[in-house]
Amino acid sequence: MLLPYLHEDLVEAGCDEAGRGCLAGAVYAAAVILPKDFRNEQLNDSKQLTARQRYALRRVIEREAVAWAVGVVSPQEIDEINILNAALLAMHRAVDGLAVRPQHLLVDGNRFRPYPGVPHTTVVKGDGKYLAIAAASVLAKTYRDDYMLRLHEEYPQYGWDRNKGYPTRAHREAIAQWGTTPYHRQSFNLLGGDRQLSLDFG
């Protein structure tokens, strides 16, 4: 059973990101403030849920949350500032978008850049420990999946409807065959190993 909060007396937002390990696409993050009495036995780390469960939970979270928001950092920004900084920036952008200002942030993982005026606690594997972080993981994952499905329509040869931009063998083989797109992260090792790209869509 996931914990409802760390600090019962504070307005607490859970934060998580999705897409850090991908070769293509933006990194997404979400921030969610749940009511103190929120309970849902289905809610868990988004990686432990099926797509159908995630989308069903997204509707519940958006309906019942005190506030929620999604932050996005583009592939170009990722290449400029690196993926760790991009993930942290996406979480900051998500917090920026909250209609209610939190008094404390519960952040998945072990790294975070302090958000101005709001103390935080990092929690390793927090999406499997706290409801608000799990809720943020569901929103970040589903909104990013929607985005990758839109990109798939533009570049179907990379299989983004299946791999969502992650470094699967099929995705890397498609890069080797077709080159890169404007959505690929050029600062990443796109082919794996020592192989170099010889094609580029520009």
N, C-alpha and C. Protein backbone atom coordinates (compact mmCIF):
# COMPACT_ATOMS: atom_id res chain seq x y z
N MET A 1 0.85 -1.19 0.00
CA MET A 1 0.00 0.00 0.00
C MET A 1 0.89 1.25 0.00
N LEU A 2 0.64 2.15 -0.95
CA LEU A 2 1.43 3.37 -1.03
C LEU A 2 1.02 4.34 0.07
N LEU A 3 1.98 5.14 0.50
CA LEU A 3 1.73 6.11 1.56
C LEU A 3 1.04 7.35 0.99
N PRO A 4 0.09 7.94 1.73
CA PRO A 4 -0.65 9.09 1.20
C PRO A 4 0.16 10.39 1.23
N TYR A 5 1.14 10.50 2.10
CA TYR A 5 1.93 11.74 2.21
C TYR A 5 3.13 11.51 3.10
N LEU A 6 4.07 12.44 3.04
CA LEU A 6 5.18 12.44 3.99
C LEU A 6 4.89 13.40 5.13
N HIS A 7 4.35 14.58 4.78
CA HIS A 7 4.01 15.60 5.79
C HIS A 7 2.51 15.85 5.74
N GLU A 8 1.80 15.39 6.74
CA GLU A 8 0.35 15.50 6.75
C GLU A 8 -0.11 16.95 6.79
N ASP A 9 0.68 17.83 7.42
CA ASP A 9 0.25 19.21 7.64
C ASP A 9 0.67 20.17 6.53
N LEU A 10 1.27 19.66 5.45
CA LEU A 10 1.73 20.52 4.35
C LEU A 10 1.01 20.18 3.05
N VAL A 11 0.87 21.18 2.19
CA VAL A 11 0.40 20.94 0.82
C VAL A 11 1.57 20.36 0.04
N GLU A 12 1.46 19.08 -0.29
CA GLU A 12 2.59 18.33 -0.81
C GLU A 12 2.33 17.91 -2.26
N ALA A 13 3.30 18.18 -3.12
CA ALA A 13 3.19 17.78 -4.52
C ALA A 13 4.18 16.65 -4.81
N GLY A 14 3.71 15.61 -5.49
CA GLY A 14 4.60 14.56 -5.98
C GLY A 14 5.12 14.93 -7.35
N CYS A 15 6.39 14.62 -7.65
CA CYS A 15 7.00 14.94 -8.94
C CYS A 15 7.71 13.71 -9.50
N ASP A 16 7.55 13.50 -10.80
CA ASP A 16 8.27 12.42 -11.47
C ASP A 16 8.41 12.76 -12.94
N GLU A 17 9.34 12.07 -13.62
CA GLU A 17 9.58 12.33 -15.03
C GLU A 17 9.48 11.04 -15.83
N ALA A 18 9.39 11.19 -17.15
CA ALA A 18 9.34 10.04 -18.05
C ALA A 18 10.14 10.36 -19.30
N GLY A 19 10.86 9.36 -19.78
CA GLY A 19 11.57 9.52 -21.05
C GLY A 19 13.03 9.86 -20.94
N ARG A 20 13.60 9.72 -19.76
CA ARG A 20 15.01 10.08 -19.61
C ARG A 20 15.93 9.20 -20.45
N GLY A 21 15.61 7.92 -20.53
CA GLY A 21 16.50 6.98 -21.21
C GLY A 21 16.23 6.82 -22.70
N CYS A 22 15.37 7.66 -23.26
CA CYS A 22 15.00 7.51 -24.67
C CYS A 22 16.05 8.11 -25.59
N LEU A 23 16.03 7.64 -26.83
CA LEU A 23 16.91 8.19 -27.87
C LEU A 23 16.23 9.32 -28.62
N ALA A 24 14.93 9.40 -28.53
CA ALA A 24 14.18 10.41 -29.29
C ALA A 24 13.05 10.97 -28.44
N GLY A 25 12.69 12.20 -28.76
CA GLY A 25 11.55 12.82 -28.11
C GLY A 25 11.93 13.64 -26.89
N ALA A 26 10.97 14.43 -26.46
CA ALA A 26 11.13 15.28 -25.29
C ALA A 26 11.11 14.44 -24.01
N VAL A 27 11.59 15.04 -22.94
CA VAL A 27 11.40 14.45 -21.61
C VAL A 27 10.21 15.16 -20.97
N TYR A 28 9.35 14.38 -20.34
CA TYR A 28 8.14 14.90 -19.72
C TYR A 28 8.23 14.73 -18.20
N ALA A 29 7.59 15.62 -17.48
CA ALA A 29 7.49 15.49 -16.02
C ALA A 29 6.10 15.94 -15.60
N ALA A 30 5.69 15.48 -14.44
CA ALA A 30 4.40 15.91 -13.90
C ALA A 30 4.54 16.22 -12.42
N ALA A 31 3.68 17.10 -11.96
CA ALA A 31 3.57 17.41 -10.53
C ALA A 31 2.10 17.28 -10.16
N VAL A 32 1.84 16.62 -9.04
CA VAL A 32 0.45 16.34 -8.64
C VAL A 32 0.29 16.59 -7.14
N ILE A 33 -0.75 17.33 -6.81
CA ILE A 33 -1.16 17.50 -5.41
C ILE A 33 -2.47 16.75 -5.23
N LEU A 34 -2.44 15.73 -4.39
CA LEU A 34 -3.63 14.93 -4.14
C LEU A 34 -4.30 15.36 -2.84
N PRO A 35 -5.61 15.16 -2.71
CA PRO A 35 -6.25 15.39 -1.42
C PRO A 35 -5.66 14.46 -0.37
N LYS A 36 -5.65 14.91 0.88
CA LYS A 36 -5.07 14.09 1.95
C LYS A 36 -5.80 12.77 2.12
N ASP A 37 -7.08 12.74 1.77
CA ASP A 37 -7.84 11.51 1.95
C ASP A 37 -7.92 10.67 0.67
N PHE A 38 -7.11 11.01 -0.31
CA PHE A 38 -7.14 10.26 -1.58
C PHE A 38 -6.65 8.83 -1.35
N ARG A 39 -7.40 7.88 -1.89
CA ARG A 39 -7.00 6.47 -1.83
C ARG A 39 -7.35 5.82 -3.16
N ASN A 40 -6.47 4.98 -3.66
CA ASN A 40 -6.76 4.22 -4.87
C ASN A 40 -5.85 3.00 -4.88
N GLU A 41 -6.46 1.84 -4.77
CA GLU A 41 -5.66 0.61 -4.67
C GLU A 41 -4.96 0.26 -5.98
N GLN A 42 -5.42 0.81 -7.10
CA GLN A 42 -4.81 0.52 -8.39
C GLN A 42 -3.54 1.34 -8.63
N LEU A 43 -3.47 2.51 -8.00
CA LEU A 43 -2.37 3.44 -8.29
C LEU A 43 -1.04 2.88 -7.80
N ASN A 44 -0.06 2.86 -8.72
CA ASN A 44 1.26 2.33 -8.42
C ASN A 44 2.24 2.97 -9.40
N ASP A 45 3.50 2.65 -9.23
CA ASP A 45 4.52 3.05 -10.19
C ASP A 45 4.01 2.74 -11.60
N SER A 46 4.06 3.74 -12.49
CA SER A 46 3.47 3.57 -13.81
C SER A 46 4.09 2.41 -14.58
N LYS A 47 5.35 2.08 -14.27
CA LYS A 47 6.02 0.98 -14.98
C LYS A 47 5.42 -0.36 -14.61
N GLN A 48 4.70 -0.43 -13.49
CA GLN A 48 4.07 -1.67 -13.04
C GLN A 48 2.65 -1.83 -13.56
N LEU A 49 2.18 -0.86 -14.33
CA LEU A 49 0.80 -0.86 -14.80
C LEU A 49 0.74 -1.09 -16.30
N THR A 50 -0.39 -1.60 -16.77
CA THR A 50 -0.60 -1.70 -18.20
C THR A 50 -1.00 -0.33 -18.74
N ALA A 51 -0.91 -0.16 -20.06
CA ALA A 51 -1.31 1.11 -20.67
C ALA A 51 -2.77 1.42 -20.36
N ARG A 52 -3.62 0.41 -20.43
CA ARG A 52 -5.04 0.63 -20.13
C ARG A 52 -5.23 1.13 -18.70
N GLN A 53 -4.49 0.52 -17.75
CA GLN A 53 -4.60 0.96 -16.35
C GLN A 53 -4.09 2.39 -16.17
N ARG A 54 -2.99 2.72 -16.85
CA ARG A 54 -2.45 4.08 -16.73
C ARG A 54 -3.44 5.13 -17.21
N TYR A 55 -4.05 4.88 -18.37
CA TYR A 55 -4.98 5.87 -18.90
C TYR A 55 -6.26 5.97 -18.07
N ALA A 56 -6.69 4.86 -17.50
CA ALA A 56 -7.85 4.90 -16.59
C ALA A 56 -7.51 5.70 -15.34
N LEU A 57 -6.31 5.49 -14.82
CA LEU A 57 -5.89 6.23 -13.62
C LEU A 57 -5.68 7.70 -13.93
N ARG A 58 -5.22 8.02 -15.15
CA ARG A 58 -5.04 9.43 -15.49
C ARG A 58 -6.35 10.20 -15.35
N ARG A 59 -7.43 9.60 -15.81
CA ARG A 59 -8.74 10.26 -15.68
C ARG A 59 -9.11 10.49 -14.22
N VAL A 60 -8.83 9.49 -13.37
CA VAL A 60 -9.12 9.62 -11.94
C VAL A 60 -8.27 10.72 -11.32
N ILE A 61 -6.98 10.71 -11.63
CA ILE A 61 -6.06 11.70 -11.05
C ILE A 61 -6.46 13.11 -11.46
N GLU A 62 -6.74 13.30 -12.74
CA GLU A 62 -7.08 14.64 -13.22
C GLU A 62 -8.40 15.13 -12.62
N ARG A 63 -9.29 14.20 -12.36
CA ARG A 63 -10.59 14.58 -11.78
C ARG A 63 -10.48 14.88 -10.29
N GLU A 64 -9.67 14.12 -9.58
CA GLU A 64 -9.68 14.21 -8.12
C GLU A 64 -8.52 14.99 -7.52
N ALA A 65 -7.49 15.27 -8.28
CA ALA A 65 -6.33 15.99 -7.73
C ALA A 65 -6.72 17.42 -7.34
N VAL A 66 -6.07 17.91 -6.32
CA VAL A 66 -6.20 19.32 -5.95
C VAL A 66 -5.63 20.19 -7.07
N ALA A 67 -4.52 19.75 -7.63
CA ALA A 67 -3.88 20.43 -8.77
C ALA A 67 -2.93 19.46 -9.44
N TRP A 68 -2.74 19.64 -10.75
CA TRP A 68 -1.77 18.83 -11.48
C TRP A 68 -1.27 19.64 -12.68
N ALA A 69 -0.07 19.33 -13.13
CA ALA A 69 0.50 20.00 -14.30
C ALA A 69 1.59 19.13 -14.90
N VAL A 70 1.85 19.35 -16.18
CA VAL A 70 2.87 18.61 -16.91
C VAL A 70 3.90 19.59 -17.46
N GLY A 71 5.18 19.23 -17.35
CA GLY A 71 6.26 20.05 -17.89
C GLY A 71 7.01 19.28 -18.96
N VAL A 72 7.50 19.99 -19.98
CA VAL A 72 8.15 19.36 -21.13
C VAL A 72 9.46 20.07 -21.44
N VAL A 73 10.49 19.28 -21.78
CA VAL A 73 11.77 19.83 -22.25
C VAL A 73 12.09 19.15 -23.57
N SER A 74 12.34 19.95 -24.59
CA SER A 74 12.48 19.45 -25.97
C SER A 74 13.79 18.70 -26.18
N PRO A 75 13.87 17.89 -27.25
CA PRO A 75 15.13 17.22 -27.58
C PRO A 75 16.28 18.20 -27.79
N GLN A 76 16.00 19.35 -28.38
CA GLN A 76 17.04 20.35 -28.60
C GLN A 76 17.58 20.89 -27.27
N GLU A 77 16.68 21.12 -26.33
CA GLU A 77 17.12 21.57 -25.00
C GLU A 77 17.91 20.48 -24.30
N ILE A 78 17.48 19.23 -24.46
CA ILE A 78 18.22 18.11 -23.87
C ILE A 78 19.66 18.10 -24.37
N ASP A 79 19.84 18.29 -25.68
CA ASP A 79 21.19 18.30 -26.25
C ASP A 79 22.02 19.46 -25.73
N GLU A 80 21.36 20.56 -25.40
CA GLU A 80 22.08 21.75 -24.92
C GLU A 80 22.49 21.64 -23.46
N ILE A 81 21.63 21.05 -22.62
CA ILE A 81 21.89 21.12 -21.17
C ILE A 81 22.11 19.76 -20.54
N ASN A 82 22.03 18.68 -21.27
CA ASN A 82 22.16 17.27 -20.89
C ASN A 82 20.87 16.75 -20.25
N ILE A 83 20.72 15.44 -20.26
CA ILE A 83 19.45 14.84 -19.90
C ILE A 83 19.12 14.97 -18.41
N LEU A 84 20.11 14.94 -17.54
CA LEU A 84 19.82 15.12 -16.11
C LEU A 84 19.24 16.50 -15.86
N ASN A 85 19.92 17.53 -16.38
CA ASN A 85 19.42 18.89 -16.20
C ASN A 85 18.05 19.06 -16.86
N ALA A 86 17.85 18.41 -17.98
CA ALA A 86 16.56 18.50 -18.67
C ALA A 86 15.45 17.88 -17.84
N ALA A 87 15.72 16.73 -17.23
CA ALA A 87 14.70 16.09 -16.39
C ALA A 87 14.34 16.97 -15.20
N LEU A 88 15.35 17.58 -14.59
CA LEU A 88 15.10 18.47 -13.46
C LEU A 88 14.32 19.71 -13.90
N LEU A 89 14.68 20.24 -15.08
CA LEU A 89 13.97 21.40 -15.61
C LEU A 89 12.51 21.06 -15.91
N ALA A 90 12.27 19.87 -16.46
CA ALA A 90 10.89 19.46 -16.74
C ALA A 90 10.07 19.41 -15.46
N MET A 91 10.67 18.92 -14.37
CA MET A 91 9.95 18.88 -13.09
C MET A 91 9.68 20.28 -12.59
N HIS A 92 10.65 21.19 -12.73
CA HIS A 92 10.42 22.58 -12.34
C HIS A 92 9.28 23.19 -13.15
N ARG A 93 9.26 22.92 -14.44
CA ARG A 93 8.19 23.45 -15.29
C ARG A 93 6.84 22.90 -14.88
N ALA A 94 6.81 21.64 -14.48
CA ALA A 94 5.55 21.06 -14.00
C ALA A 94 5.09 21.77 -12.73
N VAL A 95 6.00 22.00 -11.79
CA VAL A 95 5.63 22.72 -10.56
C VAL A 95 5.19 24.14 -10.89
N ASP A 96 5.88 24.77 -11.86
CA ASP A 96 5.47 26.12 -12.29
C ASP A 96 4.01 26.15 -12.71
N GLY A 97 3.54 25.06 -13.30
CA GLY A 97 2.19 25.02 -13.86
C GLY A 97 1.09 24.71 -12.87
N LEU A 98 1.44 24.37 -11.64
CA LEU A 98 0.41 24.03 -10.65
C LEU A 98 -0.43 25.24 -10.30
N ALA A 99 -1.74 25.06 -10.25
CA ALA A 99 -2.65 26.14 -9.89
C ALA A 99 -2.62 26.43 -8.39
N VAL A 100 -2.13 25.48 -7.61
CA VAL A 100 -1.99 25.63 -6.16
C VAL A 100 -0.51 25.52 -5.83
N ARG A 101 0.02 26.48 -5.08
CA ARG A 101 1.44 26.44 -4.75
C ARG A 101 1.70 25.42 -3.63
N PRO A 102 2.56 24.44 -3.88
CA PRO A 102 2.86 23.45 -2.84
C PRO A 102 3.77 24.02 -1.76
N GLN A 103 3.70 23.41 -0.60
CA GLN A 103 4.59 23.78 0.51
C GLN A 103 5.75 22.81 0.65
N HIS A 104 5.66 21.69 -0.07
CA HIS A 104 6.72 20.68 -0.02
C HIS A 104 6.62 19.83 -1.29
N LEU A 105 7.79 19.42 -1.80
CA LEU A 105 7.83 18.57 -2.98
C LEU A 105 8.39 17.20 -2.62
N LEU A 106 7.69 16.17 -3.06
CA LEU A 106 8.18 14.79 -2.95
C LEU A 106 8.66 14.39 -4.35
N VAL A 107 9.94 14.16 -4.51
CA VAL A 107 10.53 13.97 -5.83
C VAL A 107 11.06 12.56 -5.98
N ASP A 108 10.67 11.90 -7.06
CA ASP A 108 11.20 10.56 -7.33
C ASP A 108 12.67 10.63 -7.68
N GLY A 109 13.46 9.70 -7.15
CA GLY A 109 14.88 9.64 -7.48
C GLY A 109 15.76 10.18 -6.37
N ASN A 110 17.02 10.44 -6.70
CA ASN A 110 17.96 10.93 -5.68
C ASN A 110 18.61 12.25 -6.05
N ARG A 111 18.15 12.87 -7.15
CA ARG A 111 18.72 14.15 -7.57
C ARG A 111 17.61 15.15 -7.84
N PHE A 112 17.80 16.37 -7.37
CA PHE A 112 16.85 17.44 -7.64
C PHE A 112 17.53 18.77 -7.41
N ARG A 113 17.17 19.74 -8.22
CA ARG A 113 17.65 21.11 -8.01
C ARG A 113 16.59 21.85 -7.22
N PRO A 114 16.94 22.44 -6.08
CA PRO A 114 15.92 23.08 -5.24
C PRO A 114 15.02 24.04 -6.03
N TYR A 115 13.74 23.91 -5.80
CA TYR A 115 12.77 24.81 -6.41
C TYR A 115 12.63 26.02 -5.49
N PRO A 116 12.66 27.23 -6.05
CA PRO A 116 12.67 28.44 -5.22
C PRO A 116 11.53 28.50 -4.21
N GLY A 117 11.88 28.57 -2.95
CA GLY A 117 10.91 28.79 -1.90
C GLY A 117 10.13 27.57 -1.46
N VAL A 118 10.44 26.39 -2.03
CA VAL A 118 9.68 25.19 -1.67
C VAL A 118 10.66 24.08 -1.30
N PRO A 119 10.68 23.64 -0.05
CA PRO A 119 11.57 22.54 0.33
C PRO A 119 11.16 21.25 -0.37
N HIS A 120 12.11 20.32 -0.47
CA HIS A 120 11.82 19.06 -1.16
C HIS A 120 12.46 17.89 -0.44
N THR A 121 11.96 16.71 -0.74
CA THR A 121 12.54 15.45 -0.28
C THR A 121 12.63 14.52 -1.49
N THR A 122 13.82 13.99 -1.75
CA THR A 122 13.97 13.01 -2.82
C THR A 122 13.75 11.62 -2.24
N VAL A 123 13.10 10.76 -3.02
CA VAL A 123 12.76 9.41 -2.58
C VAL A 123 13.12 8.43 -3.69
N VAL A 124 14.13 7.60 -3.46
CA VAL A 124 14.49 6.59 -4.44
C VAL A 124 13.35 5.59 -4.59
N LYS A 125 12.97 5.31 -5.83
CA LYS A 125 11.81 4.46 -6.14
C LYS A 125 10.55 4.99 -5.47
N GLY A 126 10.46 6.31 -5.42
CA GLY A 126 9.33 6.95 -4.76
C GLY A 126 8.00 6.69 -5.43
N ASP A 127 8.03 6.37 -6.74
CA ASP A 127 6.77 6.09 -7.44
C ASP A 127 6.13 4.79 -6.97
N GLY A 128 6.87 4.00 -6.23
CA GLY A 128 6.31 2.79 -5.63
C GLY A 128 6.10 2.93 -4.14
N LYS A 129 6.25 4.18 -3.62
CA LYS A 129 6.12 4.39 -2.17
C LYS A 129 5.07 5.43 -1.79
N TYR A 130 4.92 6.48 -2.62
CA TYR A 130 4.00 7.57 -2.28
C TYR A 130 2.97 7.77 -3.39
N LEU A 131 1.73 7.97 -3.00
CA LEU A 131 0.65 8.12 -3.96
C LEU A 131 0.88 9.30 -4.91
N ALA A 132 1.32 10.44 -4.37
CA ALA A 132 1.47 11.64 -5.20
C ALA A 132 2.55 11.45 -6.26
N ILE A 133 3.65 10.76 -5.91
CA ILE A 133 4.70 10.50 -6.89
C ILE A 133 4.19 9.50 -7.93
N ALA A 134 3.48 8.47 -7.48
CA ALA A 134 2.91 7.50 -8.42
C ALA A 134 1.94 8.19 -9.38
N ALA A 135 1.15 9.11 -8.87
CA ALA A 135 0.21 9.86 -9.73
C ALA A 135 0.98 10.68 -10.75
N ALA A 136 2.07 11.32 -10.32
CA ALA A 136 2.89 12.10 -11.24
C ALA A 136 3.52 11.19 -12.30
N SER A 137 3.93 9.99 -11.91
CA SER A 137 4.54 9.07 -12.87
C SER A 137 3.53 8.65 -13.93
N VAL A 138 2.27 8.46 -13.54
CA VAL A 138 1.23 8.09 -14.48
C VAL A 138 0.98 9.21 -15.49
N LEU A 139 0.89 10.44 -15.00
CA LEU A 139 0.64 11.56 -15.91
C LEU A 139 1.83 11.78 -16.84
N ALA A 140 3.04 11.77 -16.30
CA ALA A 140 4.21 11.99 -17.14
C ALA A 140 4.31 10.92 -18.23
N LYS A 141 4.09 9.67 -17.85
CA LYS A 141 4.19 8.57 -18.80
C LYS A 141 3.12 8.64 -19.87
N THR A 142 1.87 8.87 -19.49
CA THR A 142 0.79 8.85 -20.48
C THR A 142 0.86 10.06 -21.41
N TYR A 143 1.20 11.22 -20.88
CA TYR A 143 1.30 12.39 -21.75
C TYR A 143 2.49 12.25 -22.70
N ARG A 144 3.56 11.65 -22.24
CA ARG A 144 4.68 11.43 -23.15
C ARG A 144 4.34 10.37 -24.20
N ASP A 145 3.65 9.33 -23.80
CA ASP A 145 3.23 8.30 -24.77
C ASP A 145 2.35 8.92 -25.85
N ASP A 146 1.41 9.79 -25.46
CA ASP A 146 0.56 10.46 -26.45
C ASP A 146 1.41 11.25 -27.45
N TYR A 147 2.40 11.94 -26.93
CA TYR A 147 3.31 12.74 -27.76
C TYR A 147 4.09 11.86 -28.74
N MET A 148 4.60 10.72 -28.25
CA MET A 148 5.36 9.84 -29.13
C MET A 148 4.47 9.20 -30.19
N LEU A 149 3.21 8.96 -29.88
CA LEU A 149 2.28 8.43 -30.88
C LEU A 149 2.04 9.46 -31.98
N ARG A 150 1.99 10.75 -31.61
CA ARG A 150 1.86 11.80 -32.63
C ARG A 150 3.10 11.85 -33.51
N LEU A 151 4.28 11.72 -32.90
CA LEU A 151 5.51 11.73 -33.70
C LEU A 151 5.59 10.50 -34.60
N HIS A 152 5.05 9.39 -34.14
CA HIS A 152 5.05 8.16 -34.95
C HIS A 152 4.33 8.38 -36.27
N GLU A 153 3.26 9.16 -36.25
CA GLU A 153 2.53 9.42 -37.49
C GLU A 153 3.40 10.16 -38.50
N GLU A 154 4.34 10.96 -38.00
CA GLU A 154 5.24 11.72 -38.86
C GLU A 154 6.41 10.86 -39.36
N TYR A 155 6.90 9.97 -38.50
CA TYR A 155 8.06 9.11 -38.83
C TYR A 155 7.76 7.67 -38.43
N PRO A 156 6.89 6.98 -39.16
CA PRO A 156 6.46 5.64 -38.74
C PRO A 156 7.56 4.59 -38.79
N GLN A 157 8.62 4.82 -39.53
CA GLN A 157 9.64 3.78 -39.71
C GLN A 157 10.43 3.46 -38.43
N TYR A 158 10.33 4.31 -37.41
CA TYR A 158 11.10 4.09 -36.18
C TYR A 158 10.33 3.29 -35.12
N GLY A 159 9.06 3.01 -35.38
CA GLY A 159 8.29 2.19 -34.44
C GLY A 159 8.02 2.86 -33.11
N TRP A 160 7.88 4.17 -33.11
CA TRP A 160 7.66 4.88 -31.85
C TRP A 160 6.32 4.57 -31.21
N ASP A 161 5.39 4.00 -31.98
CA ASP A 161 4.13 3.56 -31.38
C ASP A 161 4.35 2.37 -30.46
N ARG A 162 5.44 1.66 -30.66
CA ARG A 162 5.77 0.51 -29.81
C ARG A 162 6.87 0.82 -28.81
N ASN A 163 7.98 1.42 -29.30
CA ASN A 163 9.14 1.61 -28.39
C ASN A 163 9.15 2.96 -27.69
N LYS A 164 8.28 3.88 -28.10
CA LYS A 164 8.16 5.22 -27.48
C LYS A 164 9.49 5.97 -27.44
N GLY A 165 10.40 5.61 -28.34
CA GLY A 165 11.68 6.31 -28.41
C GLY A 165 12.80 5.67 -27.62
N TYR A 166 12.50 4.59 -26.91
CA TYR A 166 13.53 3.92 -26.12
C TYR A 166 14.50 3.15 -27.04
N PRO A 167 15.69 2.84 -26.56
CA PRO A 167 16.73 2.24 -27.40
C PRO A 167 16.56 0.73 -27.60
N THR A 168 15.47 0.36 -28.25
CA THR A 168 15.29 -1.04 -28.61
C THR A 168 16.18 -1.37 -29.81
N ARG A 169 16.35 -2.65 -30.03
CA ARG A 169 17.16 -3.07 -31.18
C ARG A 169 16.54 -2.58 -32.49
N ALA A 170 15.22 -2.70 -32.59
CA ALA A 170 14.53 -2.28 -33.81
C ALA A 170 14.67 -0.79 -34.04
N HIS A 171 14.61 -0.01 -32.96
CA HIS A 171 14.75 1.44 -33.09
C HIS A 171 16.16 1.80 -33.59
N ARG A 172 17.17 1.15 -33.02
CA ARG A 172 18.55 1.44 -33.44
C ARG A 172 18.79 0.97 -34.89
N GLU A 173 18.19 -0.13 -35.26
CA GLU A 173 18.34 -0.59 -36.65
C GLU A 173 17.68 0.39 -37.62
N ALA A 174 16.55 0.97 -37.20
CA ALA A 174 15.88 1.96 -38.04
C ALA A 174 16.73 3.23 -38.18
N ILE A 175 17.40 3.63 -37.10
CA ILE A 175 18.28 4.79 -37.17
C ILE A 175 19.44 4.51 -38.13
N ALA A 176 20.00 3.29 -38.03
CA ALA A 176 21.10 2.93 -38.92
C ALA A 176 20.66 2.96 -40.38
N GLN A 177 19.41 2.57 -40.64
CA GLN A 177 18.91 2.52 -42.01
C GLN A 177 18.45 3.88 -42.53
N TRP A 178 17.74 4.64 -41.71
CA TRP A 178 17.08 5.86 -42.16
C TRP A 178 17.74 7.14 -41.68
N GLY A 179 18.70 7.03 -40.76
CA GLY A 179 19.30 8.24 -40.20
C GLY A 179 18.46 8.80 -39.06
N THR A 180 18.75 10.01 -38.68
CA THR A 180 18.06 10.63 -37.55
C THR A 180 16.97 11.58 -38.02
N THR A 181 16.14 11.97 -37.08
CA THR A 181 15.07 12.95 -37.30
C THR A 181 15.34 14.16 -36.42
N PRO A 182 14.57 15.23 -36.60
CA PRO A 182 14.72 16.38 -35.69
C PRO A 182 14.36 16.05 -34.24
N TYR A 183 13.74 14.90 -34.02
CA TYR A 183 13.34 14.53 -32.66
C TYR A 183 14.37 13.65 -31.96
N HIS A 184 15.38 13.19 -32.67
CA HIS A 184 16.41 12.38 -32.03
C HIS A 184 17.36 13.25 -31.21
N ARG A 185 17.81 12.70 -30.11
CA ARG A 185 18.74 13.42 -29.21
C ARG A 185 20.15 13.21 -29.73
N GLN A 186 20.69 14.23 -30.36
CA GLN A 186 21.97 14.09 -31.04
C GLN A 186 23.14 13.90 -30.07
N SER A 187 22.94 14.26 -28.82
CA SER A 187 24.00 14.09 -27.81
C SER A 187 24.06 12.67 -27.26
N PHE A 188 23.10 11.82 -27.65
CA PHE A 188 23.07 10.44 -27.18
C PHE A 188 23.82 9.53 -28.16
N ASN A 189 24.22 8.37 -27.66
CA ASN A 189 24.83 7.34 -28.52
C ASN A 189 23.67 6.59 -29.18
N LEU A 190 23.27 7.08 -30.35
CA LEU A 190 22.03 6.60 -30.96
C LEU A 190 22.11 5.19 -31.50
N LEU A 191 23.28 4.77 -31.95
CA LEU A 191 23.40 3.44 -32.52
C LEU A 191 23.88 2.39 -31.53
N GLY A 192 24.45 2.83 -30.42
CA GLY A 192 25.02 1.89 -29.46
C GLY A 192 26.40 1.44 -29.91
N GLY A 193 27.20 0.98 -29.00
CA GLY A 193 28.55 0.52 -29.32
C GLY A 193 29.38 1.65 -29.93
N ASP A 194 30.20 1.32 -30.93
CA ASP A 194 31.08 2.31 -31.55
C ASP A 194 30.60 2.75 -32.92
N ARG A 195 29.40 2.33 -33.31
CA ARG A 195 28.92 2.69 -34.64
C ARG A 195 28.62 4.18 -34.73
N GLN A 196 28.86 4.75 -35.91
CA GLN A 196 28.63 6.17 -36.12
C GLN A 196 27.53 6.35 -37.18
N LEU A 197 26.81 7.44 -37.05
CA LEU A 197 25.75 7.74 -38.02
C LEU A 197 26.35 8.33 -39.28
N SER A 198 25.85 7.89 -40.43
CA SER A 198 26.29 8.45 -41.69
C SER A 198 25.16 9.17 -42.42
N LEU A 199 23.94 9.08 -41.87
CA LEU A 199 22.78 9.69 -42.48
C LEU A 199 22.14 10.68 -41.50
N ASP A 200 21.54 11.72 -42.02
CA ASP A 200 20.88 12.68 -41.15
C ASP A 200 19.75 13.32 -41.92
N PHE A 201 18.57 13.34 -41.33
CA PHE A 201 17.45 14.02 -41.98
C PHE A 201 17.61 15.54 -41.91
N GLY A 202 18.46 16.03 -41.00
CA GLY A 202 18.59 17.47 -40.82
C GLY A 202 17.51 18.02 -39.91
